[in-house]
Amino acid sequence: MTAELIEGARVVLDDRVEVTSVRIEDGRITGLDVPRDGAAIVPGKGRVLAPAFIDVHGDAFERQLMPRPGVMVGTETALLETDRQLAANGIATAYHALTLSWEPGLRSVETGWAVVRALEALRPRLTTDNRIQLRWETFCHEAEPLLSHVLSGPDRPSLAFNDHTTSMLLDYDIPVQDRPFDQVNPYPVTSFDDPRFRKKMADQARRAQLSAEDYTTLIARVWQRRAKVPDHIARIAALARKSGAPMLSHDDSQAETRSFYRGLGSKVAEFPMHDRVFHAAREAGDFIVLGAPNAMRGGSHLGSPGAAEMVTRGLCDILASDYYYPAMLGAVVRMLTDRVAPLPQLWALVALNPARAMGLTDRGRIAPGLRADLLLLDWPEGQAPAPLRTWVAGRGGYSALPLPRLPEPAI
């Protein structure tokens, strides 16, 4: 592979931003501030160079699988399009949040198998490092063969424990942010006659392509599995520990919930829903993940804690794309504009810290010896930045035509 030297860009390093050159060769960063020495020159003057993003939780790929409610397209086509969107948004490593649910349709185990098989077949053709977050609904016992298959595979996934079953059945007089520990007995279940519950079932049913009545019957039947759920969680967690897969717990509302999953080996709190969980996670040394759209928009659409506020308070380590790939860059821009933190500290939320949480020691920062996962940005003063080029292990993952004029960057 021909060596390249990116010259003149303002480079986002661990603790500073400085103008320097970055040399890449054979998929690695081989030097900073080094001579040309026969390398192909990539002009960086007036631009910003930063580590490419590492996305620990993204489910926007679902919109490629089902671009309209009830309309599914070919899995390979959807994933190839997703791969290009990732690279165009500066994401070099992506964990697709593949929901494995007892629902039929988009989030079914059947669809999960289709995605897994397609990713395995497409691997040589993909631009970015496409990985899987096994976003497992803990009431979905039928997912175990798929979980075992992916956890024993060569591309180490992550495992996220989700329990939207108890969340959907929660008594509506209790805010979801105060939902009790999932395994508490008795659990406060809503009345199936509550109009709010009936509306929610109708909304969920559309995604599953069922009638509201059939969906309600289904969730009532699934609820009967509850007594078996703790043992099943323990069994799947043991598989993850054996494979070395990082584990996350999702939407924790109680410190007890976070403690339970931490005891199984989960060191990442994903989208905590209450201050008490943030503090419990921080005291235990867990990584804390929030949604980049939350930070980009200036708050959560669900009423959960604001990501920017939690960054300021030292209670957020990682921002994930969640449902919108451009939000990783958008969140950094919004928080930089709002003076939440300096750029290197903000960039760690979308590169270095995700790498550490996922055990990816070869990427996430710009330093000699690491993978050349890089993002070159056009970032005019007072305007939104745009990715110009993304490298994935030194390969050209994405490239846009250069702008005719290169004003000084905004930072």
Protein backbone atom coordinates (compact mmCIF):
# COMPACT_ATOMS: atom_id res chain seq x y z
CA MET A 1 0.00 0.00 0.00
CA THR A 2 1.41 3.41 -1.02
CA ALA A 3 2.35 5.64 1.90
CA GLU A 4 0.35 8.84 2.28
CA LEU A 5 1.26 12.00 4.14
CA ILE A 6 -1.58 14.27 5.24
CA GLU A 7 0.05 17.69 5.40
CA GLY A 8 -0.93 20.96 7.02
CA ALA A 9 -4.14 19.94 8.80
CA ARG A 10 -5.01 20.90 12.34
CA VAL A 11 -4.77 17.48 13.99
CA VAL A 12 -6.88 16.47 17.00
CA LEU A 13 -4.50 14.71 19.38
CA ASP A 14 -5.12 13.35 22.88
CA ASP A 15 -4.70 16.66 24.71
CA ARG A 16 -4.31 19.35 22.06
CA VAL A 17 -4.96 20.43 18.49
CA GLU A 18 -1.90 21.31 16.44
CA VAL A 19 -0.82 21.69 12.83
CA THR A 20 1.30 18.70 11.90
CA SER A 21 1.70 16.01 9.26
CA VAL A 22 0.43 12.45 9.69
CA ARG A 23 2.02 9.61 7.72
CA ILE A 24 0.10 6.39 7.07
CA GLU A 25 1.36 3.19 5.48
CA ASP A 26 0.17 -0.44 5.38
CA GLY A 27 -2.93 0.48 7.34
CA ARG A 28 -1.07 2.09 10.23
CA ILE A 29 -0.04 5.54 11.37
CA THR A 30 3.74 5.52 10.99
CA GLY A 31 4.70 9.01 12.09
CA LEU A 32 3.75 12.55 13.05
CA ASP A 33 5.60 15.64 11.81
CA VAL A 34 7.82 13.57 9.52
CA PRO A 35 9.35 14.33 6.08
CA ARG A 36 7.60 13.37 2.85
CA ASP A 37 10.05 10.59 2.02
CA GLY A 38 8.26 9.62 -1.21
CA ALA A 39 4.76 9.48 0.26
CA ALA A 40 1.72 10.63 -1.71
CA ILE A 41 0.63 14.02 -0.39
CA VAL A 42 -2.90 14.66 0.84
CA PRO A 43 -3.39 18.44 1.25
CA GLY A 44 -4.72 19.22 4.70
CA LYS A 45 -4.17 22.96 4.99
CA GLY A 46 -7.31 24.70 6.24
CA ARG A 47 -8.84 21.38 7.30
CA VAL A 48 -9.17 19.35 10.48
CA LEU A 49 -7.90 15.78 10.87
CA ALA A 50 -9.22 13.63 13.69
CA PRO A 51 -9.58 9.97 14.68
CA ALA A 52 -12.48 8.34 12.84
CA PHE A 53 -15.55 7.62 14.95
CA ILE A 54 -16.23 4.38 16.82
CA ASP A 55 -19.97 3.87 17.20
CA VAL A 56 -20.87 1.47 20.03
CA HIS A 57 -24.63 1.55 19.38
CA GLY A 58 -26.30 2.45 16.11
CA ASP A 59 -29.65 1.22 14.85
CA ALA A 60 -30.13 3.56 11.88
CA PHE A 61 -29.44 0.54 9.67
CA GLU A 62 -33.02 -0.50 10.43
CA ARG A 63 -34.20 2.31 8.15
CA GLN A 64 -32.33 0.68 5.28
CA LEU A 65 -33.91 -2.70 6.09
CA MET A 66 -37.39 -1.17 6.44
CA PRO A 67 -37.44 2.23 4.68
CA ARG A 68 -41.23 2.46 5.17
CA PRO A 69 -43.35 0.80 7.87
CA GLY A 70 -43.95 -2.77 6.81
CA VAL A 71 -41.77 -2.48 3.67
CA MET A 72 -38.65 -4.66 3.88
CA VAL A 73 -35.88 -4.59 1.26
CA GLY A 74 -33.05 -7.01 0.48
CA THR A 75 -30.72 -7.45 3.43
CA GLU A 76 -27.48 -7.28 1.42
CA THR A 77 -28.61 -4.12 -0.38
CA ALA A 78 -29.57 -2.53 2.94
CA LEU A 79 -26.25 -3.35 4.58
CA LEU A 80 -24.16 -2.19 1.62
CA GLU A 81 -26.00 1.14 1.74
CA THR A 82 -25.48 1.32 5.51
CA ASP A 83 -21.76 0.69 5.07
CA ARG A 84 -21.48 3.64 2.69
CA GLN A 85 -23.43 5.89 5.05
CA LEU A 86 -21.10 4.98 7.89
CA ALA A 87 -17.97 5.86 5.92
CA ALA A 88 -19.50 9.08 4.61
CA ASN A 89 -20.20 10.13 8.20
CA GLY A 90 -16.68 9.39 9.42
CA ILE A 91 -17.53 6.17 11.26
CA ALA A 92 -14.78 3.58 10.77
CA THR A 93 -15.98 1.06 13.39
CA ALA A 94 -19.69 0.44 13.91
CA TYR A 95 -21.54 -1.86 16.28
CA HIS A 96 -24.94 -2.39 14.69
CA ALA A 97 -27.52 -2.58 17.48
CA LEU A 98 -29.25 -5.71 16.20
CA THR A 99 -32.40 -6.11 18.28
CA LEU A 100 -33.28 -9.76 18.91
CA SER A 101 -36.83 -9.74 20.12
CA TRP A 102 -39.84 -12.02 20.51
CA GLU A 103 -41.61 -9.68 18.07
CA PRO A 104 -42.09 -10.82 14.49
CA GLY A 105 -40.86 -8.60 11.66
CA LEU A 106 -37.99 -6.12 11.73
CA ARG A 107 -36.66 -7.04 15.18
CA SER A 108 -37.30 -10.76 15.03
CA VAL A 109 -34.71 -13.51 15.44
CA GLU A 110 -35.40 -14.45 11.82
CA THR A 111 -34.37 -10.97 10.65
CA GLY A 112 -31.39 -11.17 13.00
CA TRP A 113 -30.16 -14.33 11.29
CA ALA A 114 -30.56 -12.65 7.89
CA VAL A 115 -28.43 -9.68 9.00
CA VAL A 116 -25.76 -11.89 10.55
CA ARG A 117 -25.50 -14.13 7.49
CA ALA A 118 -25.41 -11.13 5.14
CA LEU A 119 -22.63 -9.43 7.11
CA GLU A 120 -20.60 -12.64 7.06
CA ALA A 121 -21.00 -12.94 3.29
CA LEU A 122 -20.34 -9.25 2.63
CA ARG A 123 -17.27 -8.93 4.84
CA PRO A 124 -14.72 -8.72 1.97
CA ARG A 125 -16.78 -6.00 0.25
CA LEU A 126 -17.45 -3.74 3.21
CA THR A 127 -15.63 -0.47 3.65
CA THR A 128 -15.95 0.04 7.41
CA ASP A 129 -15.45 -2.36 10.30
CA ASN A 130 -19.04 -3.56 10.65
CA ARG A 131 -19.59 -5.35 13.96
CA ILE A 132 -22.67 -6.45 15.86
CA GLN A 133 -24.10 -5.36 19.14
CA LEU A 134 -26.34 -8.24 20.16
CA ARG A 135 -29.15 -6.09 21.50
CA TRP A 136 -30.88 -8.96 23.21
CA GLU A 137 -34.35 -8.72 24.66
CA THR A 138 -34.01 -10.87 27.77
CA PHE A 139 -37.47 -12.43 27.34
CA CYS A 140 -36.46 -13.72 23.88
CA HIS A 141 -35.32 -17.24 24.71
CA GLU A 142 -35.48 -18.30 21.06
CA ALA A 143 -32.48 -16.05 20.29
CA GLU A 144 -30.00 -18.30 22.11
CA PRO A 145 -28.72 -20.20 19.01
CA LEU A 146 -28.06 -16.90 17.23
CA LEU A 147 -26.39 -15.40 20.30
CA SER A 148 -24.15 -18.46 20.61
CA HIS A 149 -23.25 -18.34 16.91
CA VAL A 150 -22.21 -14.69 16.92
CA LEU A 151 -20.44 -14.84 20.29
CA SER A 152 -18.31 -17.75 19.08
CA GLY A 153 -17.45 -16.08 15.77
CA PRO A 154 -14.19 -14.38 14.71
CA ASP A 155 -15.48 -10.78 14.85
CA ARG A 156 -15.98 -10.14 18.54
CA PRO A 157 -19.41 -8.57 19.06
CA SER A 158 -20.78 -6.82 22.11
CA LEU A 159 -23.81 -7.97 24.10
CA ALA A 160 -26.43 -5.52 25.39
CA PHE A 161 -29.06 -6.66 27.87
CA ASN A 162 -32.43 -5.08 27.02
CA ASP A 163 -35.73 -5.56 28.79
CA HIS A 164 -38.41 -3.65 26.96
CA THR A 165 -40.99 -6.24 27.98
CA THR A 166 -41.20 -5.08 31.58
CA SER A 167 -40.91 -1.49 30.38
CA MET A 168 -43.91 -1.85 28.06
CA LEU A 169 -45.97 -3.47 30.81
CA LEU A 170 -45.09 -0.92 33.49
CA ASP A 171 -48.00 0.65 35.36
CA TYR A 172 -48.56 4.02 33.68
CA ASP A 173 -48.71 5.81 37.03
CA ILE A 174 -44.97 5.12 37.41
CA PRO A 175 -42.60 7.22 35.24
CA VAL A 176 -40.39 5.04 33.09
CA GLN A 177 -37.34 6.73 34.64
CA ASP A 178 -38.48 5.29 38.00
CA ARG A 179 -39.18 1.80 36.72
CA PRO A 180 -38.20 -0.69 39.43
CA PHE A 181 -35.55 -3.36 39.00
CA ASP A 182 -36.84 -5.70 36.28
CA GLN A 183 -36.85 -8.76 38.52
CA VAL A 184 -38.61 -7.24 41.53
CA ASN A 185 -41.67 -9.09 42.81
CA PRO A 186 -44.43 -8.19 42.53
CA TYR A 187 -43.78 -6.07 39.45
CA PRO A 188 -46.26 -3.17 38.91
CA VAL A 189 -48.01 -4.24 35.70
CA THR A 190 -50.40 -1.93 33.90
CA SER A 191 -54.03 -2.72 33.31
CA PHE A 192 -54.52 -3.99 29.78
CA ASP A 193 -57.66 -1.83 29.64
CA ASP A 194 -55.69 1.38 30.17
CA PRO A 195 -56.13 3.56 27.03
CA ARG A 196 -52.45 4.50 27.17
CA PHE A 197 -51.47 0.83 27.07
CA ARG A 198 -53.84 0.13 24.18
CA LYS A 199 -52.34 3.02 22.20
CA LYS A 200 -48.81 1.81 22.86
CA MET A 201 -49.70 -1.70 21.74
CA ALA A 202 -51.14 -0.27 18.52
CA ASP A 203 -47.91 1.66 17.88
CA GLN A 204 -45.72 -1.40 18.57
CA ALA A 205 -47.97 -3.65 16.50
CA ARG A 206 -47.37 -1.63 13.34
CA ARG A 207 -43.64 -2.35 13.44
CA ALA A 208 -44.33 -6.06 14.03
CA GLN A 209 -47.01 -6.09 11.31
CA LEU A 210 -49.64 -7.43 13.72
CA SER A 211 -53.00 -6.17 14.85
CA ALA A 212 -53.05 -4.43 18.23
CA GLU A 213 -55.11 -7.31 19.62
CA ASP A 214 -52.65 -9.94 18.40
CA TYR A 215 -49.70 -7.95 19.73
CA THR A 216 -51.35 -7.66 23.14
CA THR A 217 -52.00 -11.40 23.19
CA LEU A 218 -48.37 -12.03 22.24
CA ILE A 219 -46.85 -9.86 24.96
CA ALA A 220 -49.17 -11.41 27.55
CA ARG A 221 -47.94 -14.86 26.53
CA VAL A 222 -44.29 -13.75 26.61
CA TRP A 223 -44.79 -12.30 30.10
CA GLN A 224 -45.45 -15.84 31.33
CA ARG A 225 -41.73 -16.57 30.74
CA ARG A 226 -40.69 -14.13 33.45
CA ALA A 227 -39.70 -16.69 36.09
CA LYS A 228 -37.16 -18.23 33.67
CA VAL A 229 -35.56 -14.96 32.61
CA PRO A 230 -32.87 -14.63 35.36
CA ASP A 231 -31.38 -18.07 34.64
CA HIS A 232 -31.40 -17.38 30.92
CA ILE A 233 -29.61 -14.05 31.46
CA ALA A 234 -26.95 -15.81 33.54
CA ARG A 235 -26.42 -18.43 30.82
CA ILE A 236 -26.00 -15.88 28.02
CA ALA A 237 -23.71 -13.71 30.16
CA ALA A 238 -21.49 -16.75 30.72
CA LEU A 239 -21.22 -17.21 26.94
CA ALA A 240 -20.21 -13.55 26.58
CA ARG A 241 -17.58 -13.81 29.31
CA LYS A 242 -16.13 -16.92 27.65
CA SER A 243 -15.81 -15.12 24.31
CA GLY A 244 -14.46 -11.91 25.85
CA ALA A 245 -17.34 -9.86 24.44
CA PRO A 246 -17.92 -6.52 26.19
CA MET A 247 -21.36 -6.31 27.83
CA LEU A 248 -23.74 -3.40 28.29
CA SER A 249 -27.01 -2.93 30.15
CA HIS A 250 -29.61 -0.72 28.52
CA ASP A 251 -31.97 1.91 29.98
CA ASP A 252 -31.15 1.18 33.62
CA SER A 253 -33.45 3.12 35.95
CA GLN A 254 -32.20 1.76 39.28
CA ALA A 255 -28.74 1.34 40.81
CA GLU A 256 -29.84 -2.20 41.65
CA THR A 257 -30.28 -2.93 37.95
CA ARG A 258 -26.79 -1.66 37.12
CA SER A 259 -25.34 -3.68 40.02
CA PHE A 260 -27.05 -6.85 38.84
CA TYR A 261 -25.61 -6.62 35.34
CA ARG A 262 -22.21 -5.50 36.58
CA GLY A 263 -22.12 -8.68 38.64
CA LEU A 264 -22.48 -10.65 35.42
CA GLY A 265 -19.54 -8.83 33.81
CA SER A 266 -21.25 -5.84 32.21
CA LYS A 267 -18.98 -2.81 32.61
CA VAL A 268 -20.94 -0.41 30.40
CA ALA A 269 -24.12 1.47 31.34
CA GLU A 270 -25.95 2.31 28.11
CA PHE A 271 -28.46 5.18 28.22
CA PRO A 272 -29.07 5.32 32.01
CA MET A 273 -32.42 6.88 32.81
CA HIS A 274 -31.87 8.43 36.25
CA ASP A 275 -29.20 10.32 38.18
CA ARG A 276 -28.86 7.51 40.72
CA VAL A 277 -27.73 5.14 37.97
CA PHE A 278 -25.16 7.59 36.63
CA HIS A 279 -23.64 8.01 40.08
CA ALA A 280 -23.67 4.27 40.80
CA ALA A 281 -21.96 3.59 37.46
CA ARG A 282 -19.35 6.29 38.02
CA GLU A 283 -18.55 5.10 41.54
CA ALA A 284 -18.01 1.57 40.22
CA GLY A 285 -15.79 2.72 37.34
CA ASP A 286 -18.24 1.70 34.59
CA PHE A 287 -18.31 3.36 31.19
CA ILE A 288 -21.42 5.48 30.62
CA VAL A 289 -22.93 5.77 27.13
CA LEU A 290 -25.48 8.33 25.98
CA GLY A 291 -26.96 9.18 22.60
CA ALA A 292 -25.23 11.66 20.33
CA PRO A 293 -28.62 12.89 19.01
CA ASN A 294 -29.40 13.89 22.61
CA ALA A 295 -26.28 16.08 22.72
CA MET A 296 -26.73 17.41 19.18
CA ARG A 297 -30.37 18.41 19.79
CA GLY A 298 -29.74 19.80 23.27
CA GLY A 299 -31.74 17.19 25.19
CA SER A 300 -33.42 13.79 25.18
CA HIS A 301 -36.70 13.29 23.31
CA LEU A 302 -37.70 10.86 26.11
CA GLY A 303 -37.08 13.21 29.02
CA SER A 304 -33.98 11.36 30.19
CA PRO A 305 -30.89 13.26 31.42
CA GLY A 306 -29.26 15.60 28.89
CA ALA A 307 -26.01 14.28 27.42
CA ALA A 308 -24.22 17.64 27.39
CA GLU A 309 -25.11 18.21 31.03
CA MET A 310 -23.77 14.78 31.93
CA VAL A 311 -20.54 15.44 30.03
CA THR A 312 -20.14 18.65 32.02
CA ARG A 313 -20.75 16.74 35.26
CA GLY A 314 -18.26 14.01 34.36
CA LEU A 315 -21.04 11.44 34.06
CA CYS A 316 -20.79 10.55 30.37
CA ASP A 317 -17.83 8.84 28.69
CA ILE A 318 -19.20 7.86 25.28
CA LEU A 319 -21.64 9.21 22.70
CA ALA A 320 -23.21 6.74 20.27
CA SER A 321 -25.04 7.51 17.03
CA ASP A 322 -28.18 5.74 18.35
CA TYR A 323 -30.67 6.36 15.53
CA TYR A 324 -28.79 8.97 13.40
CA TYR A 325 -25.25 8.50 12.07
CA PRO A 326 -24.47 12.22 11.49
CA ALA A 327 -25.17 12.93 15.17
CA MET A 328 -21.69 11.87 16.29
CA LEU A 329 -20.12 14.82 14.48
CA GLY A 330 -23.14 17.01 15.19
CA ALA A 331 -22.86 16.40 18.94
CA VAL A 332 -19.20 17.40 18.99
CA VAL A 333 -19.98 20.58 17.07
CA ARG A 334 -22.91 21.56 19.31
CA MET A 335 -20.96 20.99 22.53
CA LEU A 336 -17.90 22.79 21.20
CA THR A 337 -20.09 25.77 20.26
CA ASP A 338 -21.67 25.68 23.72
CA ARG A 339 -18.20 25.53 25.33
CA VAL A 340 -18.96 22.29 27.14
CA ALA A 341 -15.33 21.16 26.83
CA PRO A 342 -12.26 21.58 24.59
CA LEU A 343 -12.25 19.69 21.29
CA PRO A 344 -9.80 16.89 22.30
CA GLN A 345 -11.96 16.07 25.34
CA LEU A 346 -15.12 16.06 23.26
CA TRP A 347 -13.53 13.92 20.53
CA ALA A 348 -12.59 11.29 23.13
CA LEU A 349 -16.33 10.71 23.60
CA VAL A 350 -16.65 9.43 20.03
CA ALA A 351 -13.30 7.74 19.45
CA LEU A 352 -10.87 7.00 22.30
CA ASN A 353 -13.39 6.15 25.03
CA PRO A 354 -15.53 3.89 22.81
CA ALA A 355 -12.34 2.05 21.80
CA ARG A 356 -11.43 1.49 25.43
CA ALA A 357 -14.93 0.34 26.39
CA MET A 358 -15.00 -2.18 23.54
CA GLY A 359 -11.45 -3.40 24.17
CA LEU A 360 -10.18 -2.08 20.82
CA THR A 361 -6.63 -1.14 21.76
CA ASP A 362 -5.47 -0.53 18.19
CA ARG A 363 -7.63 2.52 17.35
CA GLY A 364 -9.39 5.61 18.68
CA ARG A 365 -6.52 8.10 18.64
CA ILE A 366 -3.85 9.50 16.33
CA ALA A 367 -0.50 8.02 17.36
CA PRO A 368 2.25 6.03 15.63
CA GLY A 369 1.58 2.29 15.53
CA LEU A 370 -2.20 2.53 15.66
CA ARG A 371 -4.68 1.76 12.87
CA ALA A 372 -5.03 4.57 10.38
CA ASP A 373 -8.72 5.20 11.05
CA LEU A 374 -8.90 8.90 10.24
CA LEU A 375 -11.39 11.61 9.32
CA LEU A 376 -10.54 14.74 7.33
CA LEU A 377 -13.06 17.55 7.75
CA ASP A 378 -13.89 20.74 5.91
CA TRP A 379 -14.82 23.06 8.80
CA PRO A 380 -15.22 26.72 7.83
CA GLU A 381 -15.54 29.29 10.59
CA GLY A 382 -19.11 29.52 11.86
CA GLN A 383 -20.40 26.73 9.64
CA ALA A 384 -21.17 23.04 10.01
CA PRO A 385 -18.25 20.71 9.24
CA ALA A 386 -18.45 18.16 6.46
CA PRO A 387 -16.44 14.94 6.10
CA LEU A 388 -14.11 15.15 3.12
CA ARG A 389 -12.33 11.84 3.49
CA THR A 390 -12.48 8.81 5.78
CA TRP A 391 -9.68 6.25 6.06
CA VAL A 392 -10.37 2.80 7.49
CA ALA A 393 -7.14 0.99 8.36
CA GLY A 394 -5.44 3.21 5.81
CA ARG A 395 -7.87 2.39 3.01
CA GLY A 396 -9.90 5.10 1.37
CA GLY A 397 -13.31 4.51 2.87
CA TYR A 398 -14.92 7.70 1.62
CA SER A 399 -13.81 10.69 -0.42
CA ALA A 400 -15.65 13.83 -1.50
CA LEU A 401 -14.46 16.35 -4.06
CA PRO A 402 -12.30 19.03 -2.45
CA LEU A 403 -13.79 22.47 -2.12
CA PRO A 404 -12.26 25.15 -4.38
CA ARG A 405 -11.55 27.41 -1.42
CA LEU A 406 -9.96 26.44 1.90
CA PRO A 407 -10.73 28.99 4.64
CA GLU A 408 -9.13 28.67 8.05
CA PRO A 409 -10.87 26.08 10.29
CA ALA A 410 -13.17 27.08 13.09
CA ILE A 411 -10.85 25.76 15.82
